Amino acid sequence: SSCRVRNGDVVAPFGGLIRDVALVDSPYHEGQNLRITLLVCVTGGYYLRSPVEGVATEVRGMHRKSAALLTDKGELVVMKVKSGTLLGAPLLRVPFGTRIGLARTCGSRVGMLHLELYLPAKARAEVKIGQRVKIGCSVLAKM
């Protein structure tokens, strides 16, 4: 079955379960972020999908098991592995400066247990705690 996602949608980077949705102080810039925490489902897909369309971006001081995407509107979206090893691999398997389309494969989720997604504070959550999400199809938030 196909899913309909469009620019401005933030989609599930893998299949799983929503563990938390909260407005938090940003670890990446002044102000706040909408943080969505996901628990990986064992059957939730082997690969990581891009939650937004954007360019793989380096953020100074960012955790090794993190990845940042800069949207065309200049909004920073960060994926951070909260728990899990990734078996020593980087989260994104593309070089900085690479453009990644919405819901396109961009890495592997092997060894990952929880992922935190940091979105701009103005993003509107479309999911609730305990909700199951489908890789590349479920809309987590609207930018």
C-alpha atoms as a PDB file:
ATOM      1  CA  SER A   1       0.000   0.000   0.000  1.00  0.00           C
ATOM      2  CA  SER A   2       1.258   3.467  -0.817  1.00  0.00           C
ATOM      3  CA  CYS A   3       1.253   6.333   1.603  1.00  0.00           C
ATOM      4  CA  ARG A   4       0.739  10.001   0.914  1.00  0.00           C
ATOM      5  CA  VAL A   5       3.292  12.311   2.474  1.00  0.00           C
ATOM      6  CA  ARG A   6       4.175  15.826   1.376  1.00  0.00           C
ATOM      7  CA  ASN A   7       6.749  18.487   2.094  1.00  0.00           C
ATOM      8  CA  GLY A   8       6.187  19.917   5.546  1.00  0.00           C
ATOM      9  CA  ASP A   9       5.387  16.451   6.902  1.00  0.00           C
ATOM     10  CA  VAL A  10       7.798  14.827   9.349  1.00  0.00           C
ATOM     11  CA  VAL A  11       7.596  11.069   8.831  1.00  0.00           C
ATOM     12  CA  ALA A  12       8.618   8.083  10.939  1.00  0.00           C
ATOM     13  CA  PRO A  13      12.265   7.178  10.199  1.00  0.00           C
ATOM     14  CA  PHE A  14      11.447   3.544  11.087  1.00  0.00           C
ATOM     15  CA  GLY A  15       8.529   1.494  12.344  1.00  0.00           C
ATOM     16  CA  GLY A  16       8.015   1.706  16.064  1.00  0.00           C
ATOM     17  CA  LEU A  17       6.158   3.122  19.018  1.00  0.00           C
ATOM     18  CA  ILE A  18       5.901   6.719  20.243  1.00  0.00           C
ATOM     19  CA  ARG A  19       7.383   6.871  23.759  1.00  0.00           C
ATOM     20  CA  ASP A  20       7.244  10.623  24.409  1.00  0.00           C
ATOM     21  CA  VAL A  21       6.192  13.935  22.856  1.00  0.00           C
ATOM     22  CA  ALA A  22       7.413  17.065  24.653  1.00  0.00           C
ATOM     23  CA  LEU A  23       8.505  20.676  24.237  1.00  0.00           C
ATOM     24  CA  VAL A  24      12.060  20.818  25.646  1.00  0.00           C
ATOM     25  CA  ASP A  25      14.979  23.237  25.936  1.00  0.00           C
ATOM     26  CA  SER A  26      17.025  22.739  22.789  1.00  0.00           C
ATOM     27  CA  PRO A  27      20.446  21.115  23.104  1.00  0.00           C
ATOM     28  CA  TYR A  28      21.284  22.535  19.644  1.00  0.00           C
ATOM     29  CA  HIS A  29      20.371  26.230  19.709  1.00  0.00           C
ATOM     30  CA  GLU A  30      18.766  28.980  21.796  1.00  0.00           C
ATOM     31  CA  GLY A  31      15.119  28.284  22.517  1.00  0.00           C
ATOM     32  CA  GLN A  32      13.078  25.119  22.456  1.00  0.00           C
ATOM     33  CA  ASN A  33      12.453  22.033  20.335  1.00  0.00           C
ATOM     34  CA  LEU A  34       9.538  19.678  19.934  1.00  0.00           C
ATOM     35  CA  ARG A  35      11.098  16.322  20.879  1.00  0.00           C
ATOM     36  CA  ILE A  36       9.496  13.077  19.749  1.00  0.00           C
ATOM     37  CA  THR A  37      10.988   9.883  21.215  1.00  0.00           C
ATOM     38  CA  LEU A  38      10.499   6.616  19.338  1.00  0.00           C
ATOM     39  CA  LEU A  39      11.069   3.013  20.410  1.00  0.00           C
ATOM     40  CA  VAL A  40      12.326   0.800  17.589  1.00  0.00           C
ATOM     41  CA  CYS A  41      10.053  -2.092  16.657  1.00  0.00           C
ATOM     42  CA  VAL A  42      12.010  -5.250  15.772  1.00  0.00           C
ATOM     43  CA  THR A  43       9.952  -5.566  12.584  1.00  0.00           C
ATOM     44  CA  GLY A  44      10.064  -1.820  11.903  1.00  0.00           C
ATOM     45  CA  GLY A  45      12.420  -1.915   8.932  1.00  0.00           C
ATOM     46  CA  TYR A  46      16.162  -2.433   8.683  1.00  0.00           C
ATOM     47  CA  TYR A  47      16.979   0.961   7.173  1.00  0.00           C
ATOM     48  CA  LEU A  48      16.578   4.486   8.486  1.00  0.00           C
ATOM     49  CA  ARG A  49      14.405   6.854   6.424  1.00  0.00           C
ATOM     50  CA  SER A  50      14.797  10.614   6.321  1.00  0.00           C
ATOM     51  CA  PRO A  51      12.047  12.215   8.455  1.00  0.00           C
ATOM     52  CA  VAL A  52      12.146  15.407   6.306  1.00  0.00           C
ATOM     53  CA  GLU A  53      13.532  16.554   2.983  1.00  0.00           C
ATOM     54  CA  GLY A  54      16.810  18.347   3.533  1.00  0.00           C
ATOM     55  CA  VAL A  55      20.578  18.454   3.388  1.00  0.00           C
ATOM     56  CA  ALA A  56      22.782  16.382   5.717  1.00  0.00           C
ATOM     57  CA  THR A  57      24.426  19.023   7.895  1.00  0.00           C
ATOM     58  CA  GLU A  58      27.242  19.077  10.423  1.00  0.00           C
ATOM     59  CA  VAL A  59      26.341  20.671  13.757  1.00  0.00           C
ATOM     60  CA  ARG A  60      29.242  21.623  16.030  1.00  0.00           C
ATOM     61  CA  GLY A  61      29.357  19.625  19.251  1.00  0.00           C
ATOM     62  CA  MET A  62      26.751  17.155  18.067  1.00  0.00           C
ATOM     63  CA  HIS A  63      26.790  13.679  19.604  1.00  0.00           C
ATOM     64  CA  ARG A  64      28.457  10.981  17.461  1.00  0.00           C
ATOM     65  CA  LYS A  65      25.233   8.989  17.260  1.00  0.00           C
ATOM     66  CA  SER A  66      23.290  11.992  15.931  1.00  0.00           C
ATOM     67  CA  ALA A  67      22.479  13.397  12.514  1.00  0.00           C
ATOM     68  CA  ALA A  68      21.135  16.766  11.385  1.00  0.00           C
ATOM     69  CA  LEU A  69      19.123  17.739   8.338  1.00  0.00           C
ATOM     70  CA  LEU A  70      18.597  21.329   7.204  1.00  0.00           C
ATOM     71  CA  THR A  71      15.310  21.888   5.346  1.00  0.00           C
ATOM     72  CA  ASP A  72      14.872  24.297   2.423  1.00  0.00           C
ATOM     73  CA  LYS A  73      13.232  26.713   4.891  1.00  0.00           C
ATOM     74  CA  GLY A  74      16.376  26.688   7.044  1.00  0.00           C
ATOM     75  CA  GLU A  75      14.838  24.566   9.807  1.00  0.00           C
ATOM     76  CA  LEU A  76      17.151  22.196  11.665  1.00  0.00           C
ATOM     77  CA  VAL A  77      15.892  18.667  12.340  1.00  0.00           C
ATOM     78  CA  VAL A  78      18.101  16.433  14.498  1.00  0.00           C
ATOM     79  CA  MET A  79      17.924  12.671  15.004  1.00  0.00           C
ATOM     80  CA  LYS A  80      19.749  11.432  18.114  1.00  0.00           C
ATOM     81  CA  VAL A  81      20.131   7.829  19.222  1.00  0.00           C
ATOM     82  CA  LYS A  82      18.983   7.810  22.852  1.00  0.00           C
ATOM     83  CA  SER A  83      19.942   4.185  23.439  1.00  0.00           C
ATOM     84  CA  GLY A  84      21.599   1.539  21.319  1.00  0.00           C
ATOM     85  CA  THR A  85      24.999   1.077  19.759  1.00  0.00           C
ATOM     86  CA  LEU A  86      24.520   1.308  15.953  1.00  0.00           C
ATOM     87  CA  LEU A  87      27.320  -1.292  16.079  1.00  0.00           C
ATOM     88  CA  GLY A  88      29.822   1.554  15.756  1.00  0.00           C
ATOM     89  CA  ALA A  89      28.388   2.852  12.468  1.00  0.00           C
ATOM     90  CA  PRO A  90      27.394   6.496  11.855  1.00  0.00           C
ATOM     91  CA  LEU A  91      23.663   7.238  11.958  1.00  0.00           C
ATOM     92  CA  LEU A  92      23.622   8.732   8.441  1.00  0.00           C
ATOM     93  CA  ARG A  93      25.352   6.809   5.672  1.00  0.00           C
ATOM     94  CA  VAL A  94      25.669   9.838   3.380  1.00  0.00           C
ATOM     95  CA  PRO A  95      28.294  12.633   3.386  1.00  0.00           C
ATOM     96  CA  PHE A  96      27.541  16.126   4.701  1.00  0.00           C
ATOM     97  CA  GLY A  97      26.060  18.295   1.962  1.00  0.00           C
ATOM     98  CA  THR A  98      24.045  15.421   0.469  1.00  0.00           C
ATOM     99  CA  ARG A  99      20.400  16.226  -0.258  1.00  0.00           C
ATOM    100  CA  ILE A 100      18.014  13.559   1.045  1.00  0.00           C
ATOM    101  CA  GLY A 101      14.402  13.343  -0.081  1.00  0.00           C
ATOM    102  CA  LEU A 102      11.477  12.894   2.286  1.00  0.00           C
ATOM    103  CA  ALA A 103      11.214   9.267   3.496  1.00  0.00           C
ATOM    104  CA  ARG A 104      14.297   8.228   1.471  1.00  0.00           C
ATOM    105  CA  THR A 105      16.732   5.661   2.861  1.00  0.00           C
ATOM    106  CA  CYS A 106      19.658   7.453   4.530  1.00  0.00           C
ATOM    107  CA  GLY A 107      21.164   5.003   7.027  1.00  0.00           C
ATOM    108  CA  SER A 108      20.696   1.892   9.096  1.00  0.00           C
ATOM    109  CA  ARG A 109      18.912   1.412  12.402  1.00  0.00           C
ATOM    110  CA  VAL A 110      20.827  -1.758  13.337  1.00  0.00           C
ATOM    111  CA  GLY A 111      21.564  -1.805  17.070  1.00  0.00           C
ATOM    112  CA  MET A 112      19.266   1.170  17.782  1.00  0.00           C
ATOM    113  CA  LEU A 113      16.702   0.981  20.600  1.00  0.00           C
ATOM    114  CA  HIS A 114      15.385   4.533  21.065  1.00  0.00           C
ATOM    115  CA  LEU A 115      15.641   7.594  18.829  1.00  0.00           C
ATOM    116  CA  GLU A 116      14.924  11.218  19.732  1.00  0.00           C
ATOM    117  CA  LEU A 117      13.786  13.524  16.968  1.00  0.00           C
ATOM    118  CA  TYR A 118      14.298  17.261  17.641  1.00  0.00           C
ATOM    119  CA  LEU A 119      12.061  19.544  15.565  1.00  0.00           C
ATOM    120  CA  PRO A 120      11.502  23.300  15.527  1.00  0.00           C
ATOM    121  CA  ALA A 121       9.314  24.404  18.450  1.00  0.00           C
ATOM    122  CA  LYS A 122       6.611  25.602  16.036  1.00  0.00           C
ATOM    123  CA  ALA A 123       6.182  22.088  14.605  1.00  0.00           C
ATOM    124  CA  ARG A 124       2.798  20.542  15.440  1.00  0.00           C
ATOM    125  CA  ALA A 125       2.832  16.969  16.749  1.00  0.00           C
ATOM    126  CA  GLU A 126       0.474  14.595  14.946  1.00  0.00           C
ATOM    127  CA  VAL A 127       1.104  11.567  17.215  1.00  0.00           C
ATOM    128  CA  LYS A 128       0.366  10.547  20.793  1.00  0.00           C
ATOM    129  CA  ILE A 129       2.327   8.503  23.325  1.00  0.00           C
ATOM    130  CA  GLY A 130       1.749   4.771  22.762  1.00  0.00           C
ATOM    131  CA  GLN A 131       0.861   5.171  19.082  1.00  0.00           C
ATOM    132  CA  ARG A 132       2.396   2.730  16.563  1.00  0.00           C
ATOM    133  CA  VAL A 133       4.030   4.322  13.527  1.00  0.00           C
ATOM    134  CA  LYS A 134       4.902   2.911  10.094  1.00  0.00           C
ATOM    135  CA  ILE A 135       8.295   3.529   8.453  1.00  0.00           C
ATOM    136  CA  GLY A 136       8.265   6.410   5.954  1.00  0.00           C
ATOM    137  CA  CYS A 137       4.456   6.701   6.030  1.00  0.00           C
ATOM    138  CA  SER A 138       3.225   7.771   9.455  1.00  0.00           C
ATOM    139  CA  VAL A 139       3.255  11.550   9.871  1.00  0.00           C
ATOM    140  CA  LEU A 140       4.805  12.405  13.246  1.00  0.00           C
ATOM    141  CA  ALA A 141       4.465  16.189  12.942  1.00  0.00           C
ATOM    142  CA  LYS A 142       3.717  19.056  10.561  1.00  0.00           C
ATOM    143  CA  MET A 143       6.302  21.807  10.120  1.00  0.00           C
END
